[in-house]
Amino acid sequence: MPKQKSLVSDLLASAVKPEVAYKRRPDLPLTKEAADAIWKALQARGGELILGLSDAVYKLGLPSVYAKAPDRSYLLASSLQKLLQQKFGLPIRCGSKSKGTYLAFTAITDLHEVAAIRGKSQ
């Protein structure tokens, strides 16, 4: 037990004041309508849809801060994929292309993977 108290004391002594600025981008407010629109567009395009980063952010109603950092678009793509699969149960992969200037959506066709995604979303 004394070891844990010592660690707590060390952490408290090392802590910085709360005035330290940090940046966190806002959560993604992806709606069911936007998710369904991505799915329908994917089906219409044969399973692959590539959009410019700025267009995707604007048309999906995401905060504009996401369009201003193409070098971090892979983080946006990962978050979108997680939302599309886990929250909406859609078999969609999302990634970034061309150094973040595009977002690429791909329909997942492997039936086992689709079943796993749908199982996680329920």
PDB file of N, CA and C in Angstrom:
ATOM      1  N   MET A   1       0.801  -1.211   0.000  1.00  0.00           N
ATOM      2  CA  MET A   1       0.000   0.000   0.000  1.00  0.00           C
ATOM      3  C   MET A   1       0.837   1.266   0.000  1.00  0.00           C
ATOM      4  N   PRO A   2       1.913   1.328   0.744  1.00  0.00           N
ATOM      5  CA  PRO A   2       2.686   2.567   0.751  1.00  0.00           C
ATOM      6  C   PRO A   2       3.209   2.908  -0.632  1.00  0.00           C
ATOM      7  N   LYS A   3       3.450   1.886  -1.442  1.00  0.00           N
ATOM      8  CA  LYS A   3       3.955   2.134  -2.793  1.00  0.00           C
ATOM      9  C   LYS A   3       2.929   2.922  -3.612  1.00  0.00           C
ATOM     10  N   GLN A   4       1.644   2.572  -3.483  1.00  0.00           N
ATOM     11  CA  GLN A   4       0.598   3.269  -4.227  1.00  0.00           C
ATOM     12  C   GLN A   4       0.467   4.715  -3.747  1.00  0.00           C
ATOM     13  N   LYS A   5       0.566   4.935  -2.453  1.00  0.00           N
ATOM     14  CA  LYS A   5       0.503   6.299  -1.946  1.00  0.00           C
ATOM     15  C   LYS A   5       1.659   7.117  -2.491  1.00  0.00           C
ATOM     16  N   SER A   6       2.797   6.478  -2.586  1.00  0.00           N
ATOM     17  CA  SER A   6       3.969   7.150  -3.131  1.00  0.00           C
ATOM     18  C   SER A   6       3.736   7.524  -4.599  1.00  0.00           C
ATOM     19  N   LEU A   7       3.138   6.611  -5.368  1.00  0.00           N
ATOM     20  CA  LEU A   7       2.846   6.885  -6.773  1.00  0.00           C
ATOM     21  C   LEU A   7       1.833   8.015  -6.887  1.00  0.00           C
ATOM     22  N   VAL A   8       0.817   7.986  -6.067  1.00  0.00           N
ATOM     23  CA  VAL A   8      -0.187   9.052  -6.073  1.00  0.00           C
ATOM     24  C   VAL A   8       0.486  10.388  -5.761  1.00  0.00           C
ATOM     25  N   SER A   9       1.338  10.406  -4.769  1.00  0.00           N
ATOM     26  CA  SER A   9       2.043  11.635  -4.410  1.00  0.00           C
ATOM     27  C   SER A   9       2.920  12.119  -5.559  1.00  0.00           C
ATOM     28  N   ASP A  10       3.604  11.184  -6.222  1.00  0.00           N
ATOM     29  CA  ASP A  10       4.451  11.544  -7.367  1.00  0.00           C
ATOM     30  C   ASP A  10       3.625  12.123  -8.510  1.00  0.00           C
ATOM     31  N   LEU A  11       2.482  11.495  -8.778  1.00  0.00           N
ATOM     32  CA  LEU A  11       1.620  11.994  -9.852  1.00  0.00           C
ATOM     33  C   LEU A  11       1.103  13.390  -9.529  1.00  0.00           C
ATOM     34  N   LEU A  12       0.686  13.589  -8.305  1.00  0.00           N
ATOM     35  CA  LEU A  12       0.182  14.902  -7.906  1.00  0.00           C
ATOM     36  C   LEU A  12       1.272  15.958  -7.971  1.00  0.00           C
ATOM     37  N   ALA A  13       2.473  15.590  -7.609  1.00  0.00           N
ATOM     38  CA  ALA A  13       3.587  16.532  -7.648  1.00  0.00           C
ATOM     39  C   ALA A  13       3.966  16.876  -9.092  1.00  0.00           C
ATOM     40  N   SER A  14       3.744  15.949 -10.000  1.00  0.00           N
ATOM     41  CA  SER A  14       4.110  16.153 -11.408  1.00  0.00           C
ATOM     42  C   SER A  14       3.011  16.830 -12.220  1.00  0.00           C
ATOM     43  N   ALA A  15       1.837  16.914 -11.666  1.00  0.00           N
ATOM     44  CA  ALA A  15       0.700  17.470 -12.404  1.00  0.00           C
ATOM     45  C   ALA A  15       0.938  18.939 -12.743  1.00  0.00           C
ATOM     46  N   VAL A  16       0.410  19.342 -13.888  1.00  0.00           N
ATOM     47  CA  VAL A  16       0.512  20.736 -14.308  1.00  0.00           C
ATOM     48  C   VAL A  16      -0.818  21.437 -14.042  1.00  0.00           C
ATOM     49  N   LYS A  17      -0.788  22.736 -14.071  1.00  0.00           N
ATOM     50  CA  LYS A  17      -1.990  23.508 -13.820  1.00  0.00           C
ATOM     51  C   LYS A  17      -2.997  23.300 -14.959  1.00  0.00           C
ATOM     52  N   PRO A  18      -4.290  23.368 -14.644  1.00  0.00           N
ATOM     53  CA  PRO A  18      -5.324  23.138 -15.665  1.00  0.00           C
ATOM     54  C   PRO A  18      -5.335  24.149 -16.808  1.00  0.00           C
ATOM     55  N   GLU A  19      -4.597  25.245 -16.682  1.00  0.00           N
ATOM     56  CA  GLU A  19      -4.597  26.245 -17.742  1.00  0.00           C
ATOM     57  C   GLU A  19      -3.860  25.778 -18.997  1.00  0.00           C
ATOM     58  N   VAL A  20      -3.195  24.631 -18.919  1.00  0.00           N
ATOM     59  CA  VAL A  20      -2.473  24.124 -20.078  1.00  0.00           C
ATOM     60  C   VAL A  20      -3.487  23.857 -21.195  1.00  0.00           C
ATOM     61  N   ALA A  21      -3.248  24.431 -22.340  1.00  0.00           N
ATOM     62  CA  ALA A  21      -4.175  24.287 -23.459  1.00  0.00           C
ATOM     63  C   ALA A  21      -3.981  22.942 -24.144  1.00  0.00           C
ATOM     64  N   TYR A  22      -5.061  22.324 -24.463  1.00  0.00           N
ATOM     65  CA  TYR A  22      -5.010  21.113 -25.261  1.00  0.00           C
ATOM     66  C   TYR A  22      -6.142  21.192 -26.269  1.00  0.00           C
ATOM     67  N   LYS A  23      -5.945  20.519 -27.369  1.00  0.00           N
ATOM     68  CA  LYS A  23      -6.952  20.580 -28.414  1.00  0.00           C
ATOM     69  C   LYS A  23      -7.587  19.205 -28.591  1.00  0.00           C
ATOM     70  N   ARG A  24      -8.875  19.218 -28.656  1.00  0.00           N
ATOM     71  CA  ARG A  24      -9.616  18.008 -28.945  1.00  0.00           C
ATOM     72  C   ARG A  24     -10.684  18.395 -29.939  1.00  0.00           C
ATOM     73  N   ARG A  25     -10.709  17.675 -31.037  1.00  0.00           N
ATOM     74  CA  ARG A  25     -11.729  17.985 -32.022  1.00  0.00           C
ATOM     75  C   ARG A  25     -13.086  17.502 -31.523  1.00  0.00           C
ATOM     76  N   PRO A  26     -14.154  18.151 -31.966  1.00  0.00           N
ATOM     77  CA  PRO A  26     -15.488  17.768 -31.480  1.00  0.00           C
ATOM     78  C   PRO A  26     -15.871  16.363 -31.941  1.00  0.00           C
ATOM     79  N   ASP A  27     -16.796  15.763 -31.218  1.00  0.00           N
ATOM     80  CA  ASP A  27     -17.296  14.450 -31.599  1.00  0.00           C
ATOM     81  C   ASP A  27     -17.979  14.538 -32.965  1.00  0.00           C
ATOM     82  N   LEU A  28     -18.074  13.393 -33.618  1.00  0.00           N
ATOM     83  CA  LEU A  28     -18.701  13.352 -34.939  1.00  0.00           C
ATOM     84  C   LEU A  28     -20.215  13.222 -34.795  1.00  0.00           C
ATOM     85  N   PRO A  29     -20.957  14.224 -35.254  1.00  0.00           N
ATOM     86  CA  PRO A  29     -22.412  14.164 -35.154  1.00  0.00           C
ATOM     87  C   PRO A  29     -23.034  13.512 -36.397  1.00  0.00           C
ATOM     88  N   LEU A  30     -22.593  12.319 -36.757  1.00  0.00           N
ATOM     89  CA  LEU A  30     -23.109  11.654 -37.958  1.00  0.00           C
ATOM     90  C   LEU A  30     -24.535  11.174 -37.698  1.00  0.00           C
ATOM     91  N   THR A  31     -25.445  11.575 -38.569  1.00  0.00           N
ATOM     92  CA  THR A  31     -26.848  11.207 -38.406  1.00  0.00           C
ATOM     93  C   THR A  31     -27.151   9.904 -39.130  1.00  0.00           C
ATOM     94  N   LYS A  32     -28.270   9.308 -38.767  1.00  0.00           N
ATOM     95  CA  LYS A  32     -28.738   8.082 -39.430  1.00  0.00           C
ATOM     96  C   LYS A  32     -28.994   8.358 -40.908  1.00  0.00           C
ATOM     97  N   GLU A  33     -29.511   9.528 -41.218  1.00  0.00           N
ATOM     98  CA  GLU A  33     -29.790   9.889 -42.606  1.00  0.00           C
ATOM     99  C   GLU A  33     -28.497   9.951 -43.418  1.00  0.00           C
ATOM    100  N   ALA A  34     -27.452  10.538 -42.834  1.00  0.00           N
ATOM    101  CA  ALA A  34     -26.166  10.625 -43.527  1.00  0.00           C
ATOM    102  C   ALA A  34     -25.560   9.236 -43.717  1.00  0.00           C
ATOM    103  N   ALA A  35     -25.658   8.393 -42.698  1.00  0.00           N
ATOM    104  CA  ALA A  35     -25.132   7.028 -42.803  1.00  0.00           C
ATOM    105  C   ALA A  35     -25.863   6.249 -43.890  1.00  0.00           C
ATOM    106  N   ASP A  36     -27.189   6.373 -43.924  1.00  0.00           N
ATOM    107  CA  ASP A  36     -27.974   5.690 -44.958  1.00  0.00           C
ATOM    108  C   ASP A  36     -27.644   6.233 -46.345  1.00  0.00           C
ATOM    109  N   ALA A  37     -27.401   7.536 -46.441  1.00  0.00           N
ATOM    110  CA  ALA A  37     -27.046   8.135 -47.729  1.00  0.00           C
ATOM    111  C   ALA A  37     -25.703   7.601 -48.226  1.00  0.00           C
ATOM    112  N   ILE A  38     -24.746   7.437 -47.317  1.00  0.00           N
ATOM    113  CA  ILE A  38     -23.451   6.863 -47.705  1.00  0.00           C
ATOM    114  C   ILE A  38     -23.662   5.452 -48.233  1.00  0.00           C
ATOM    115  N   TRP A  39     -24.478   4.661 -47.540  1.00  0.00           N
ATOM    116  CA  TRP A  39     -24.733   3.284 -47.938  1.00  0.00           C
ATOM    117  C   TRP A  39     -25.395   3.216 -49.319  1.00  0.00           C
ATOM    118  N   LYS A  40     -26.388   4.061 -49.544  1.00  0.00           N
ATOM    119  CA  LYS A  40     -27.086   4.064 -50.842  1.00  0.00           C
ATOM    120  C   LYS A  40     -26.168   4.530 -51.970  1.00  0.00           C
ATOM    121  N   ALA A  41     -25.338   5.530 -51.686  1.00  0.00           N
ATOM    122  CA  ALA A  41     -24.382   6.000 -52.697  1.00  0.00           C
ATOM    123  C   ALA A  41     -23.354   4.916 -53.009  1.00  0.00           C
ATOM    124  N   LEU A  42     -22.923   4.184 -51.986  1.00  0.00           N
ATOM    125  CA  LEU A  42     -21.987   3.074 -52.189  1.00  0.00           C
ATOM    126  C   LEU A  42     -22.600   2.016 -53.088  1.00  0.00           C
ATOM    127  N   GLN A  43     -23.835   1.678 -52.836  1.00  0.00           N
ATOM    128  CA  GLN A  43     -24.508   0.674 -53.660  1.00  0.00           C
ATOM    129  C   GLN A  43     -24.649   1.156 -55.099  1.00  0.00           C
ATOM    130  N   ALA A  44     -24.967   2.432 -55.273  1.00  0.00           N
ATOM    131  CA  ALA A  44     -25.128   2.979 -56.617  1.00  0.00           C
ATOM    132  C   ALA A  44     -23.804   3.037 -57.375  1.00  0.00           C
ATOM    133  N   ARG A  45     -22.685   3.166 -56.655  1.00  0.00           N
ATOM    134  CA  ARG A  45     -21.364   3.269 -57.291  1.00  0.00           C
ATOM    135  C   ARG A  45     -20.628   1.931 -57.344  1.00  0.00           C
ATOM    136  N   GLY A  46     -21.319   0.844 -57.089  1.00  0.00           N
ATOM    137  CA  GLY A  46     -20.684  -0.458 -57.200  1.00  0.00           C
ATOM    138  C   GLY A  46     -19.813  -0.840 -56.028  1.00  0.00           C
ATOM    139  N   GLY A  47     -20.004  -0.231 -54.878  1.00  0.00           N
ATOM    140  CA  GLY A  47     -19.276  -0.628 -53.680  1.00  0.00           C
ATOM    141  C   GLY A  47     -18.087   0.230 -53.317  1.00  0.00           C
ATOM    142  N   GLU A  48     -17.812   1.280 -54.091  1.00  0.00           N
ATOM    143  CA  GLU A  48     -16.705   2.180 -53.754  1.00  0.00           C
ATOM    144  C   GLU A  48     -17.117   3.620 -54.022  1.00  0.00           C
ATOM    145  N   LEU A  49     -16.873   4.468 -53.045  1.00  0.00           N
ATOM    146  CA  LEU A  49     -17.226   5.884 -53.146  1.00  0.00           C
ATOM    147  C   LEU A  49     -16.058   6.703 -52.608  1.00  0.00           C
ATOM    148  N   ILE A  50     -15.516   7.576 -53.448  1.00  0.00           N
ATOM    149  CA  ILE A  50     -14.401   8.427 -53.036  1.00  0.00           C
ATOM    150  C   ILE A  50     -14.865   9.878 -53.120  1.00  0.00           C
ATOM    151  N   LEU A  51     -14.708  10.594 -52.005  1.00  0.00           N
ATOM    152  CA  LEU A  51     -15.131  11.993 -51.927  1.00  0.00           C
ATOM    153  C   LEU A  51     -13.961  12.858 -51.481  1.00  0.00           C
ATOM    154  N   GLY A  52     -13.919  14.085 -51.981  1.00  0.00           N
ATOM    155  CA  GLY A  52     -12.942  15.036 -51.481  1.00  0.00           C
ATOM    156  C   GLY A  52     -13.206  15.284 -50.003  1.00  0.00           C
ATOM    157  N   LEU A  53     -12.142  15.486 -49.232  1.00  0.00           N
ATOM    158  CA  LEU A  53     -12.286  15.655 -47.791  1.00  0.00           C
ATOM    159  C   LEU A  53     -13.253  16.789 -47.451  1.00  0.00           C
ATOM    160  N   SER A  54     -13.069  17.938 -48.068  1.00  0.00           N
ATOM    161  CA  SER A  54     -13.937  19.092 -47.765  1.00  0.00           C
ATOM    162  C   SER A  54     -15.387  18.811 -48.136  1.00  0.00           C
ATOM    163  N   ASP A  55     -15.597  18.192 -49.299  1.00  0.00           N
ATOM    164  CA  ASP A  55     -16.962  17.853 -49.715  1.00  0.00           C
ATOM    165  C   ASP A  55     -17.616  16.887 -48.740  1.00  0.00           C
ATOM    166  N   ALA A  56     -16.872  15.876 -48.335  1.00  0.00           N
ATOM    167  CA  ALA A  56     -17.417  14.877 -47.413  1.00  0.00           C
ATOM    168  C   ALA A  56     -17.801  15.530 -46.088  1.00  0.00           C
ATOM    169  N   VAL A  57     -16.928  16.356 -45.554  1.00  0.00           N
ATOM    170  CA  VAL A  57     -17.197  17.018 -44.273  1.00  0.00           C
ATOM    171  C   VAL A  57     -18.437  17.906 -44.394  1.00  0.00           C
ATOM    172  N   TYR A  58     -18.505  18.689 -45.454  1.00  0.00           N
ATOM    173  CA  TYR A  58     -19.633  19.601 -45.642  1.00  0.00           C
ATOM    174  C   TYR A  58     -20.949  18.832 -45.851  1.00  0.00           C
ATOM    175  N   LYS A  59     -20.933  17.858 -46.756  1.00  0.00           N
ATOM    176  CA  LYS A  59     -22.170  17.159 -47.110  1.00  0.00           C
ATOM    177  C   LYS A  59     -22.671  16.231 -46.014  1.00  0.00           C
ATOM    178  N   LEU A  60     -21.769  15.735 -45.171  1.00  0.00           N
ATOM    179  CA  LEU A  60     -22.192  14.866 -44.072  1.00  0.00           C
ATOM    180  C   LEU A  60     -22.539  15.660 -42.821  1.00  0.00           C
ATOM    181  N   GLY A  61     -22.368  16.984 -42.889  1.00  0.00           N
ATOM    182  CA  GLY A  61     -22.733  17.846 -41.768  1.00  0.00           C
ATOM    183  C   GLY A  61     -21.776  17.749 -40.587  1.00  0.00           C
ATOM    184  N   LEU A  62     -20.506  17.486 -40.864  1.00  0.00           N
ATOM    185  CA  LEU A  62     -19.508  17.370 -39.801  1.00  0.00           C
ATOM    186  C   LEU A  62     -18.889  18.740 -39.515  1.00  0.00           C
ATOM    187  N   PRO A  63     -18.339  18.943 -38.333  1.00  0.00           N
ATOM    188  CA  PRO A  63     -17.697  20.222 -38.015  1.00  0.00           C
ATOM    189  C   PRO A  63     -16.566  20.533 -39.010  1.00  0.00           C
ATOM    190  N   SER A  64     -16.463  21.787 -39.412  1.00  0.00           N
ATOM    191  CA  SER A  64     -15.507  22.196 -40.454  1.00  0.00           C
ATOM    192  C   SER A  64     -14.052  21.974 -40.054  1.00  0.00           C
ATOM    193  N   VAL A  65     -13.774  21.843 -38.766  1.00  0.00           N
ATOM    194  CA  VAL A  65     -12.397  21.624 -38.327  1.00  0.00           C
ATOM    195  C   VAL A  65     -11.824  20.342 -38.949  1.00  0.00           C
ATOM    196  N   TYR A  66     -12.678  19.388 -39.272  1.00  0.00           N
ATOM    197  CA  TYR A  66     -12.213  18.130 -39.870  1.00  0.00           C
ATOM    198  C   TYR A  66     -11.711  18.317 -41.298  1.00  0.00           C
ATOM    199  N   ALA A  67     -12.187  19.334 -41.976  1.00  0.00           N
ATOM    200  CA  ALA A  67     -11.751  19.577 -43.354  1.00  0.00           C
ATOM    201  C   ALA A  67     -10.421  20.323 -43.405  1.00  0.00           C
ATOM    202  N   LYS A  68     -10.022  20.914 -42.296  1.00  0.00           N
ATOM    203  CA  LYS A  68      -8.832  21.766 -42.285  1.00  0.00           C
ATOM    204  C   LYS A  68      -7.537  21.015 -42.029  1.00  0.00           C
ATOM    205  N   ALA A  69      -7.600  19.713 -41.760  1.00  0.00           N
ATOM    206  CA  ALA A  69      -6.387  18.955 -41.430  1.00  0.00           C
ATOM    207  C   ALA A  69      -6.313  17.656 -42.234  1.00  0.00           C
ATOM    208  N   PRO A  70      -5.953  17.754 -43.521  1.00  0.00           N
ATOM    209  CA  PRO A  70      -5.875  16.537 -44.336  1.00  0.00           C
ATOM    210  C   PRO A  70      -4.879  15.519 -43.789  1.00  0.00           C
ATOM    211  N   ASP A  71      -3.829  15.999 -43.120  1.00  0.00           N
ATOM    212  CA  ASP A  71      -2.835  15.076 -42.579  1.00  0.00           C
ATOM    213  C   ASP A  71      -3.401  14.229 -41.438  1.00  0.00           C
ATOM    214  N   ARG A  72      -4.560  14.607 -40.911  1.00  0.00           N
ATOM    215  CA  ARG A  72      -5.191  13.836 -39.839  1.00  0.00           C
ATOM    216  C   ARG A  72      -6.487  13.179 -40.294  1.00  0.00           C
ATOM    217  N   SER A  73      -6.715  13.153 -41.593  1.00  0.00           N
ATOM    218  CA  SER A  73      -7.973  12.594 -42.093  1.00  0.00           C
ATOM    219  C   SER A  73      -8.091  11.094 -41.845  1.00  0.00           C
ATOM    220  N   TYR A  74      -6.950  10.427 -41.644  1.00  0.00           N
ATOM    221  CA  TYR A  74      -7.030   8.994 -41.323  1.00  0.00           C
ATOM    222  C   TYR A  74      -7.734   8.781 -39.986  1.00  0.00           C
ATOM    223  N   LEU A  75      -7.614   9.751 -39.069  1.00  0.00           N
ATOM    224  CA  LEU A  75      -8.323   9.659 -37.791  1.00  0.00           C
ATOM    225  C   LEU A  75      -9.828   9.839 -38.000  1.00  0.00           C
ATOM    226  N   LEU A  76     -10.185  10.766 -38.875  1.00  0.00           N
ATOM    227  CA  LEU A  76     -11.593  10.967 -39.218  1.00  0.00           C
ATOM    228  C   LEU A  76     -12.154   9.700 -39.857  1.00  0.00           C
ATOM    229  N   ALA A  77     -11.400   9.122 -40.791  1.00  0.00           N
ATOM    230  CA  ALA A  77     -11.854   7.913 -41.482  1.00  0.00           C
ATOM    231  C   ALA A  77     -12.074   6.772 -40.490  1.00  0.00           C
ATOM    232  N   SER A  78     -11.161   6.616 -39.563  1.00  0.00           N
ATOM    233  CA  SER A  78     -11.287   5.562 -38.559  1.00  0.00           C
ATOM    234  C   SER A  78     -12.528   5.772 -37.697  1.00  0.00           C
ATOM    235  N   SER A  79     -12.773   7.004 -37.299  1.00  0.00           N
ATOM    236  CA  SER A  79     -13.942   7.309 -36.470  1.00  0.00           C
ATOM    237  C   SER A  79     -15.236   7.107 -37.246  1.00  0.00           C
ATOM    238  N   LEU A  80     -15.232   7.518 -38.508  1.00  0.00           N
ATOM    239  CA  LEU A  80     -16.422   7.315 -39.341  1.00  0.00           C
ATOM    240  C   LEU A  80     -16.713   5.829 -39.515  1.00  0.00           C
ATOM    241  N   GLN A  81     -15.678   5.048 -39.778  1.00  0.00           N
ATOM    242  CA  GLN A  81     -15.868   3.609 -39.944  1.00  0.00           C
ATOM    243  C   GLN A  81     -16.450   2.991 -38.680  1.00  0.00           C
ATOM    244  N   LYS A  82     -15.941   3.392 -37.539  1.00  0.00           N
ATOM    245  CA  LYS A  82     -16.436   2.866 -36.265  1.00  0.00           C
ATOM    246  C   LYS A  82     -17.914   3.216 -36.075  1.00  0.00           C
ATOM    247  N   LEU A  83     -18.274   4.456 -36.361  1.00  0.00           N
ATOM    248  CA  LEU A  83     -19.676   4.866 -36.248  1.00  0.00           C
ATOM    249  C   LEU A  83     -20.568   4.095 -37.217  1.00  0.00           C
ATOM    250  N   LEU A  84     -20.137   4.019 -38.475  1.00  0.00           N
ATOM    251  CA  LEU A  84     -20.946   3.350 -39.487  1.00  0.00           C
ATOM    252  C   LEU A  84     -21.170   1.881 -39.143  1.00  0.00           C
ATOM    253  N   GLN A  85     -20.139   1.233 -38.625  1.00  0.00           N
ATOM    254  CA  GLN A  85     -20.251  -0.188 -38.319  1.00  0.00           C
ATOM    255  C   GLN A  85     -20.931  -0.449 -36.983  1.00  0.00           C
ATOM    256  N   GLN A  86     -20.499   0.228 -35.935  1.00  0.00           N
ATOM    257  CA  GLN A  86     -20.990  -0.100 -34.596  1.00  0.00           C
ATOM    258  C   GLN A  86     -22.312   0.579 -34.241  1.00  0.00           C
ATOM    259  N   LYS A  87     -22.476   1.815 -34.638  1.00  0.00           N
ATOM    260  CA  LYS A  87     -23.712   2.517 -34.277  1.00  0.00           C
ATOM    261  C   LYS A  87     -24.840   2.225 -35.260  1.00  0.00           C
ATOM    262  N   PHE A  88     -24.497   2.165 -36.552  1.00  0.00           N
ATOM    263  CA  PHE A  88     -25.534   2.004 -37.572  1.00  0.00           C
ATOM    264  C   PHE A  88     -25.575   0.609 -38.191  1.00  0.00           C
ATOM    265  N   GLY A  89     -24.610  -0.248 -37.868  1.00  0.00           N
ATOM    266  CA  GLY A  89     -24.605  -1.621 -38.363  1.00  0.00           C
ATOM    267  C   GLY A  89     -24.407  -1.755 -39.859  1.00  0.00           C
ATOM    268  N   LEU A  90     -23.743  -0.791 -40.470  1.00  0.00           N
ATOM    269  CA  LEU A  90     -23.521  -0.820 -41.915  1.00  0.00           C
ATOM    270  C   LEU A  90     -22.152  -1.416 -42.239  1.00  0.00           C
ATOM    271  N   PRO A  91     -22.104  -2.329 -43.208  1.00  0.00           N
ATOM    272  CA  PRO A  91     -20.828  -2.966 -43.572  1.00  0.00           C
ATOM    273  C   PRO A  91     -19.994  -2.074 -44.490  1.00  0.00           C
ATOM    274  N   ILE A  92     -19.427  -1.031 -43.909  1.00  0.00           N
ATOM    275  CA  ILE A  92     -18.679  -0.040 -44.681  1.00  0.00           C
ATOM    276  C   ILE A  92     -17.301   0.150 -44.059  1.00  0.00           C
ATOM    277  N   ARG A  93     -16.291   0.157 -44.917  1.00  0.00           N
ATOM    278  CA  ARG A  93     -14.937   0.537 -44.495  1.00  0.00           C
ATOM    279  C   ARG A  93     -14.710   1.963 -44.956  1.00  0.00           C
ATOM    280  N   CYS A  94     -13.931   2.696 -44.194  1.00  0.00           N
ATOM    281  CA  CYS A  94     -13.607   4.073 -44.561  1.00  0.00           C
ATOM    282  C   CYS A  94     -12.114   4.290 -44.364  1.00  0.00           C
ATOM    283  N   GLY A  95     -11.495   4.949 -45.327  1.00  0.00           N
ATOM    284  CA  GLY A  95     -10.076   5.262 -45.234  1.00  0.00           C
ATOM    285  C   GLY A  95      -9.796   6.589 -45.909  1.00  0.00           C
ATOM    286  N   SER A  96      -8.557   7.037 -45.807  1.00  0.00           N
ATOM    287  CA  SER A  96      -8.175   8.285 -46.479  1.00  0.00           C
ATOM    288  C   SER A  96      -7.179   7.951 -47.588  1.00  0.00           C
ATOM    289  N   LYS A  97      -7.193   8.771 -48.625  1.00  0.00           N
ATOM    290  CA  LYS A  97      -6.330   8.552 -49.781  1.00  0.00           C
ATOM    291  C   LYS A  97      -5.628   9.847 -50.174  1.00  0.00           C
ATOM    292  N   SER A  98      -4.554   9.703 -50.918  1.00  0.00           N
ATOM    293  CA  SER A  98      -3.812  10.841 -51.466  1.00  0.00           C
ATOM    294  C   SER A  98      -3.448  11.863 -50.396  1.00  0.00           C
ATOM    295  N   LYS A  99      -2.767  11.372 -49.380  1.00  0.00           N
ATOM    296  CA  LYS A  99      -2.303  12.227 -48.270  1.00  0.00           C
ATOM    297  C   LYS A  99      -3.448  12.973 -47.597  1.00  0.00           C
ATOM    298  N   GLY A 100      -4.587  12.315 -47.521  1.00  0.00           N
ATOM    299  CA  GLY A 100      -5.705  12.873 -46.777  1.00  0.00           C
ATOM    300  C   GLY A 100      -6.625  13.793 -47.547  1.00  0.00           C
ATOM    301  N   THR A 101      -6.423  13.952 -48.824  1.00  0.00           N
ATOM    302  CA  THR A 101      -7.301  14.859 -49.572  1.00  0.00           C
ATOM    303  C   THR A 101      -8.629  14.206 -49.954  1.00  0.00           C
ATOM    304  N   TYR A 102      -8.718  12.886 -49.814  1.00  0.00           N
ATOM    305  CA  TYR A 102      -9.950  12.163 -50.139  1.00  0.00           C
ATOM    306  C   TYR A 102     -10.309  11.194 -49.022  1.00  0.00           C
ATOM    307  N   LEU A 103     -11.621  10.975 -48.862  1.00  0.00           N
ATOM    308  CA  LEU A 103     -12.118   9.907 -48.009  1.00  0.00           C
ATOM    309  C   LEU A 103     -12.684   8.832 -48.930  1.00  0.00           C
ATOM    310  N   ALA A 104     -12.323   7.590 -48.671  1.00  0.00           N
ATOM    311  CA  ALA A 104     -12.780   6.472 -49.488  1.00  0.00           C
ATOM    312  C   ALA A 104     -13.661   5.558 -48.649  1.00  0.00           C
ATOM    313  N   PHE A 105     -14.865   5.322 -49.131  1.00  0.00           N
ATOM    314  CA  PHE A 105     -15.803   4.409 -48.496  1.00  0.00           C
ATOM    315  C   PHE A 105     -15.893   3.163 -49.364  1.00  0.00           C
ATOM    316  N   THR A 106     -15.833   1.998 -48.726  1.00  0.00           N
ATOM    317  CA  THR A 106     -15.887   0.731 -49.453  1.00  0.00           C
ATOM    318  C   THR A 106     -16.883  -0.189 -48.763  1.00  0.00           C
ATOM    319  N   ALA A 107     -17.735  -0.823 -49.562  1.00  0.00           N
ATOM    320  CA  ALA A 107     -18.681  -1.790 -49.002  1.00  0.00           C
ATOM    321  C   ALA A 107     -17.952  -3.088 -48.702  1.00  0.00           C
ATOM    322  N   ILE A 108     -18.241  -3.656 -47.549  1.00  0.00           N
ATOM    323  CA  ILE A 108     -17.654  -4.937 -47.161  1.00  0.00           C
ATOM    324  C   ILE A 108     -18.554  -6.036 -47.713  1.00  0.00           C
ATOM    325  N   THR A 109     -17.959  -6.959 -48.463  1.00  0.00           N
ATOM    326  CA  THR A 109     -18.758  -8.001 -49.107  1.00  0.00           C
ATOM    327  C   THR A 109     -18.578  -9.380 -48.475  1.00  0.00           C
ATOM    328  N   ASP A 110     -17.577  -9.552 -47.611  1.00  0.00           N
ATOM    329  CA  ASP A 110     -17.354 -10.831 -46.947  1.00  0.00           C
ATOM    330  C   ASP A 110     -18.501 -11.081 -45.973  1.00  0.00           C
ATOM    331  N   LEU A 111     -19.267 -12.138 -46.205  1.00  0.00           N
ATOM    332  CA  LEU A 111     -20.463 -12.393 -45.407  1.00  0.00           C
ATOM    333  C   LEU A 111     -20.176 -12.623 -43.926  1.00  0.00           C
ATOM    334  N   HIS A 112     -19.044 -13.246 -43.610  1.00  0.00           N
ATOM    335  CA  HIS A 112     -18.693 -13.469 -42.209  1.00  0.00           C
ATOM    336  C   HIS A 112     -18.398 -12.147 -41.513  1.00  0.00           C
ATOM    337  N   GLU A 113     -17.707 -11.258 -42.212  1.00  0.00           N
ATOM    338  CA  GLU A 113     -17.390  -9.951 -41.640  1.00  0.00           C
ATOM    339  C   GLU A 113     -18.658  -9.113 -41.472  1.00  0.00           C
ATOM    340  N   VAL A 114     -19.556  -9.202 -42.451  1.00  0.00           N
ATOM    341  CA  VAL A 114     -20.822  -8.466 -42.367  1.00  0.00           C
ATOM    342  C   VAL A 114     -21.618  -8.962 -41.167  1.00  0.00           C
ATOM    343  N   ALA A 115     -21.682 -10.266 -40.981  1.00  0.00           N
ATOM    344  CA  ALA A 115     -22.418 -10.829 -39.842  1.00  0.00           C
ATOM    345  C   ALA A 115     -21.813 -10.378 -38.516  1.00  0.00           C
ATOM    346  N   ALA A 116     -20.497 -10.313 -38.448  1.00  0.00           N
ATOM    347  CA  ALA A 116     -19.830  -9.854 -37.225  1.00  0.00           C
ATOM    348  C   ALA A 116     -20.161  -8.400 -36.937  1.00  0.00           C
ATOM    349  N   ILE A 117     -20.175  -7.570 -37.960  1.00  0.00           N
ATOM    350  CA  ILE A 117     -20.490  -6.147 -37.797  1.00  0.00           C
ATOM    351  C   ILE A 117     -21.924  -5.981 -37.325  1.00  0.00           C
ATOM    352  N   ARG A 118     -22.831  -6.686 -37.951  1.00  0.00           N
ATOM    353  CA  ARG A 118     -24.228  -6.562 -37.574  1.00  0.00           C
ATOM    354  C   ARG A 118     -24.468  -7.081 -36.162  1.00  0.00           C
ATOM    355  N   GLY A 119     -23.714  -8.094 -35.754  1.00  0.00           N
ATOM    356  CA  GLY A 119     -23.837  -8.623 -34.400  1.00  0.00           C
ATOM    357  C   GLY A 119     -23.369  -7.639 -33.353  1.00  0.00           C
ATOM    358  N   LYS A 120     -22.313  -6.864 -33.671  1.00  0.00           N
ATOM    359  CA  LYS A 120     -21.753  -5.882 -32.725  1.00  0.00           C
ATOM    360  C   LYS A 120     -22.675  -4.685 -32.564  1.00  0.00           C
ATOM    361  N   SER A 121     -23.422  -4.349 -33.601  1.00  0.00           N
ATOM    362  CA  SER A 121     -24.224  -3.125 -33.553  1.00  0.00           C
ATOM    363  C   SER A 121     -25.527  -3.309 -32.774  1.00  0.00           C
ATOM    364  N   GLN A 122     -25.899  -4.526 -32.474  1.00  0.00           N
ATOM    365  CA  GLN A 122     -27.193  -4.747 -31.818  1.00  0.00           C
ATOM    366  C   GLN A 122     -27.090  -4.758 -30.333  1.00  0.00           C
TER     367      GLN A 122
END
